[in-house]
Every structure is written in structure tokens, then in C-alpha cells.
Amino acid sequence: MRIARCIMIVILAAFAAGSAGTALADKGRRGRDSHDELNEARKRGEVLPLAQILKMLEARIGNRIVEIEFEEEHGVMAYGIYYLDPAGRRREVYVDAATGKILEDKRDD
């Protein structure tokens, strides 16, 4: 289990660094996607690296991450992190990408 967790952290860190991951469509911007936007914002220091966000959330969500998205809504850049709670239910936590503050943690129905 520890090896699987280490592998997951390496993969997520690579995604945050812009060297791996799938580009997600960014609504409202032609020819650009959220991966490009995230990478540029990270280089400008406007958002925290995903690895740092995940470290901040470790006590809350552990290593039960299912999916991660990057979104910008109403001028706020946020990570949408889907995870499984201890009962096995899928949840989504929205985290302000600039501060690491949890904006919302809800059950993903």
C-alpha cells in the first residue's frame, strides 16, 4: 500500500509540474485548456503546486484520491479533488489554488 501511495504522489507531482497529466477543456477559452492556464499561473506564483495542496489535505482525505480537476469560476482558481471517504462514498473537495483554503467539501452524488 505504501508503494502505491508513493507512486500516486509521484504521478500527481508530475501533473502539477506540467510534465504529465491530461489537459482538461477550459470553458470559455478557445485554443487553451486548463492545463496551460494552471501551468502559467503556477509559474507566476499565483497558485500553489498541487503537491503542496495534497500535503495540506493529507490528514483530511488521506491517499484515497480518485480524480483531480483544475477549474476557474468567478475569478477563483480552484482544484476539485474527488476522493473516497472512510465509508467508501465519493466526495469532492474544492480548494482555493492560491491559498489552499477549503472552499467546499461535499458528497459527489
C-alpha atoms as a PDB file:
ATOM      1  CA  MET A   1       0.000   0.000   0.000  1.00  0.00           C
ATOM      2  CA  ARG A   2       2.892   2.347   0.783  1.00  0.00           C
ATOM      3  CA  ILE A   3       4.379   1.761  -2.682  1.00  0.00           C
ATOM      4  CA  ALA A   4       1.032   2.549  -4.316  1.00  0.00           C
ATOM      5  CA  ARG A   5       0.812   5.781  -2.329  1.00  0.00           C
ATOM      6  CA  CYS A   6       4.333   6.799  -3.332  1.00  0.00           C
ATOM      7  CA  ILE A   7       3.531   6.110  -6.973  1.00  0.00           C
ATOM      8  CA  MET A   8       0.337   8.198  -6.716  1.00  0.00           C
ATOM      9  CA  ILE A   9       2.239  11.111  -5.153  1.00  0.00           C
ATOM     10  CA  VAL A  10       4.897  10.995  -7.882  1.00  0.00           C
ATOM     11  CA  ILE A  11       2.237  10.974 -10.601  1.00  0.00           C
ATOM     12  CA  LEU A  12       0.336  13.862  -9.030  1.00  0.00           C
ATOM     13  CA  ALA A  13       3.519  15.871  -8.510  1.00  0.00           C
ATOM     14  CA  ALA A  14       4.429  15.347 -12.168  1.00  0.00           C
ATOM     15  CA  PHE A  15       0.982  16.565 -13.180  1.00  0.00           C
ATOM     16  CA  ALA A  16       1.387  19.659 -11.020  1.00  0.00           C
ATOM     17  CA  ALA A  17       4.759  20.362 -12.574  1.00  0.00           C
ATOM     18  CA  GLY A  18       3.207  20.313 -16.013  1.00  0.00           C
ATOM     19  CA  SER A  19       5.208  17.337 -17.233  1.00  0.00           C
ATOM     20  CA  ALA A  20       2.358  14.829 -17.181  1.00  0.00           C
ATOM     21  CA  GLY A  21      -1.398  14.650 -16.995  1.00  0.00           C
ATOM     22  CA  THR A  22      -4.333  15.088 -19.220  1.00  0.00           C
ATOM     23  CA  ALA A  23      -5.311  18.534 -20.392  1.00  0.00           C
ATOM     24  CA  LEU A  24      -8.882  19.306 -19.469  1.00  0.00           C
ATOM     25  CA  ALA A  25     -11.094  21.527 -21.593  1.00  0.00           C
ATOM     26  CA  ASP A  26     -11.395  25.022 -20.196  1.00  0.00           C
ATOM     27  CA  LYS A  27     -14.794  26.578 -20.773  1.00  0.00           C
ATOM     28  CA  GLY A  28     -14.822  29.932 -22.475  1.00  0.00           C
ATOM     29  CA  ARG A  29     -11.258  29.952 -23.821  1.00  0.00           C
ATOM     30  CA  ARG A  30     -10.516  28.909 -27.369  1.00  0.00           C
ATOM     31  CA  GLY A  31      -7.242  27.179 -28.123  1.00  0.00           C
ATOM     32  CA  ARG A  32      -6.262  26.975 -24.449  1.00  0.00           C
ATOM     33  CA  ASP A  33      -7.018  24.466 -21.787  1.00  0.00           C
ATOM     34  CA  SER A  34      -6.912  24.454 -18.016  1.00  0.00           C
ATOM     35  CA  HIS A  35      -3.578  22.627 -18.023  1.00  0.00           C
ATOM     36  CA  ASP A  36      -1.950  25.565 -19.849  1.00  0.00           C
ATOM     37  CA  GLU A  37      -3.635  28.068 -17.580  1.00  0.00           C
ATOM     38  CA  LEU A  38      -2.604  26.165 -14.444  1.00  0.00           C
ATOM     39  CA  ASN A  39       0.999  25.850 -15.581  1.00  0.00           C
ATOM     40  CA  GLU A  40       1.244  29.567 -16.374  1.00  0.00           C
ATOM     41  CA  ALA A  41      -0.398  30.565 -13.083  1.00  0.00           C
ATOM     42  CA  ARG A  42       1.953  28.262 -11.177  1.00  0.00           C
ATOM     43  CA  LYS A  43       4.989  29.818 -12.890  1.00  0.00           C
ATOM     44  CA  ARG A  44       3.742  33.301 -11.937  1.00  0.00           C
ATOM     45  CA  GLY A  45       3.316  32.159  -8.327  1.00  0.00           C
ATOM     46  CA  GLU A  46      -0.445  32.723  -8.407  1.00  0.00           C
ATOM     47  CA  VAL A  47      -1.308  29.152  -7.399  1.00  0.00           C
ATOM     48  CA  LEU A  48       0.244  26.628  -5.067  1.00  0.00           C
ATOM     49  CA  PRO A  49       1.709  23.458  -6.558  1.00  0.00           C
ATOM     50  CA  LEU A  50      -0.667  20.512  -6.455  1.00  0.00           C
ATOM     51  CA  ALA A  51       1.814  18.516  -4.354  1.00  0.00           C
ATOM     52  CA  GLN A  52       1.648  21.225  -1.670  1.00  0.00           C
ATOM     53  CA  ILE A  53      -2.171  21.270  -1.752  1.00  0.00           C
ATOM     54  CA  LEU A  54      -2.267  17.481  -1.384  1.00  0.00           C
ATOM     55  CA  LYS A  55       0.126  17.637   1.577  1.00  0.00           C
ATOM     56  CA  MET A  56      -2.188  20.177   3.226  1.00  0.00           C
ATOM     57  CA  LEU A  57      -5.166  17.855   2.697  1.00  0.00           C
ATOM     58  CA  GLU A  58      -3.430  14.627   3.695  1.00  0.00           C
ATOM     59  CA  ALA A  59      -4.940  14.437   7.190  1.00  0.00           C
ATOM     60  CA  ARG A  60      -8.412  15.094   5.807  1.00  0.00           C
ATOM     61  CA  ILE A  61      -8.530  12.857   2.727  1.00  0.00           C
ATOM     62  CA  GLY A  62      -5.514  10.578   3.043  1.00  0.00           C
ATOM     63  CA  ASN A  63      -4.492   8.780  -0.125  1.00  0.00           C
ATOM     64  CA  ARG A  64      -7.981   7.932  -1.354  1.00  0.00           C
ATOM     65  CA  ILE A  65      -7.889  10.335  -4.320  1.00  0.00           C
ATOM     66  CA  VAL A  66      -9.922   9.329  -7.358  1.00  0.00           C
ATOM     67  CA  GLU A  67      -9.633  12.332  -9.673  1.00  0.00           C
ATOM     68  CA  ILE A  68      -8.294  15.886  -9.731  1.00  0.00           C
ATOM     69  CA  GLU A  69      -9.543  18.797 -11.830  1.00  0.00           C
ATOM     70  CA  PHE A  70      -8.457  22.397 -12.138  1.00  0.00           C
ATOM     71  CA  GLU A  71     -11.218  24.949 -12.576  1.00  0.00           C
ATOM     72  CA  GLU A  72     -11.696  28.678 -12.667  1.00  0.00           C
ATOM     73  CA  GLU A  73     -15.082  30.015 -11.683  1.00  0.00           C
ATOM     74  CA  HIS A  74     -15.986  33.592 -10.851  1.00  0.00           C
ATOM     75  CA  GLY A  75     -12.319  34.564 -10.937  1.00  0.00           C
ATOM     76  CA  VAL A  76     -11.269  31.938  -8.386  1.00  0.00           C
ATOM     77  CA  MET A  77      -8.843  29.234  -9.477  1.00  0.00           C
ATOM     78  CA  ALA A  78      -9.517  26.006  -7.605  1.00  0.00           C
ATOM     79  CA  TYR A  79      -8.548  22.373  -7.502  1.00  0.00           C
ATOM     80  CA  GLY A  80     -11.511  19.996  -7.483  1.00  0.00           C
ATOM     81  CA  ILE A  81     -10.281  16.854  -5.767  1.00  0.00           C
ATOM     82  CA  TYR A  82     -12.511  13.784  -5.786  1.00  0.00           C
ATOM     83  CA  TYR A  83     -11.814  11.221  -3.087  1.00  0.00           C
ATOM     84  CA  LEU A  84     -13.378   8.329  -1.207  1.00  0.00           C
ATOM     85  CA  ASP A  85     -14.353   8.906   2.415  1.00  0.00           C
ATOM     86  CA  PRO A  86     -13.803   6.164   5.047  1.00  0.00           C
ATOM     87  CA  ALA A  87     -17.263   4.719   4.243  1.00  0.00           C
ATOM     88  CA  GLY A  88     -16.312   4.425   0.557  1.00  0.00           C
ATOM     89  CA  ARG A  89     -18.539   7.288  -0.622  1.00  0.00           C
ATOM     90  CA  ARG A  90     -17.194   9.556  -3.340  1.00  0.00           C
ATOM     91  CA  ARG A  91     -16.736  13.161  -2.210  1.00  0.00           C
ATOM     92  CA  GLU A  92     -15.381  16.319  -3.790  1.00  0.00           C
ATOM     93  CA  VAL A  93     -13.381  18.974  -2.034  1.00  0.00           C
ATOM     94  CA  TYR A  94     -12.801  22.330  -3.722  1.00  0.00           C
ATOM     95  CA  VAL A  95      -9.587  24.042  -2.668  1.00  0.00           C
ATOM     96  CA  ASP A  96      -8.567  27.606  -3.495  1.00  0.00           C
ATOM     97  CA  ALA A  97      -5.469  27.069  -5.636  1.00  0.00           C
ATOM     98  CA  ALA A  98      -3.851  30.303  -4.433  1.00  0.00           C
ATOM     99  CA  THR A  99      -4.256  29.830  -0.677  1.00  0.00           C
ATOM    100  CA  GLY A 100      -5.006  26.150  -0.057  1.00  0.00           C
ATOM    101  CA  LYS A 101      -8.195  27.129   1.764  1.00  0.00           C
ATOM    102  CA  ILE A 102     -11.008  24.583   1.514  1.00  0.00           C
ATOM    103  CA  LEU A 103     -13.921  26.254  -0.247  1.00  0.00           C
ATOM    104  CA  GLU A 104     -16.325  23.326  -0.160  1.00  0.00           C
ATOM    105  CA  ASP A 105     -16.357  19.644   0.764  1.00  0.00           C
ATOM    106  CA  LYS A 106     -19.429  17.802  -0.416  1.00  0.00           C
ATOM    107  CA  ARG A 107     -20.687  14.380  -1.317  1.00  0.00           C
ATOM    108  CA  ASP A 108     -20.414  13.770  -5.057  1.00  0.00           C
ATOM    109  CA  ASP A 109     -23.823  12.390  -5.969  1.00  0.00           C
END
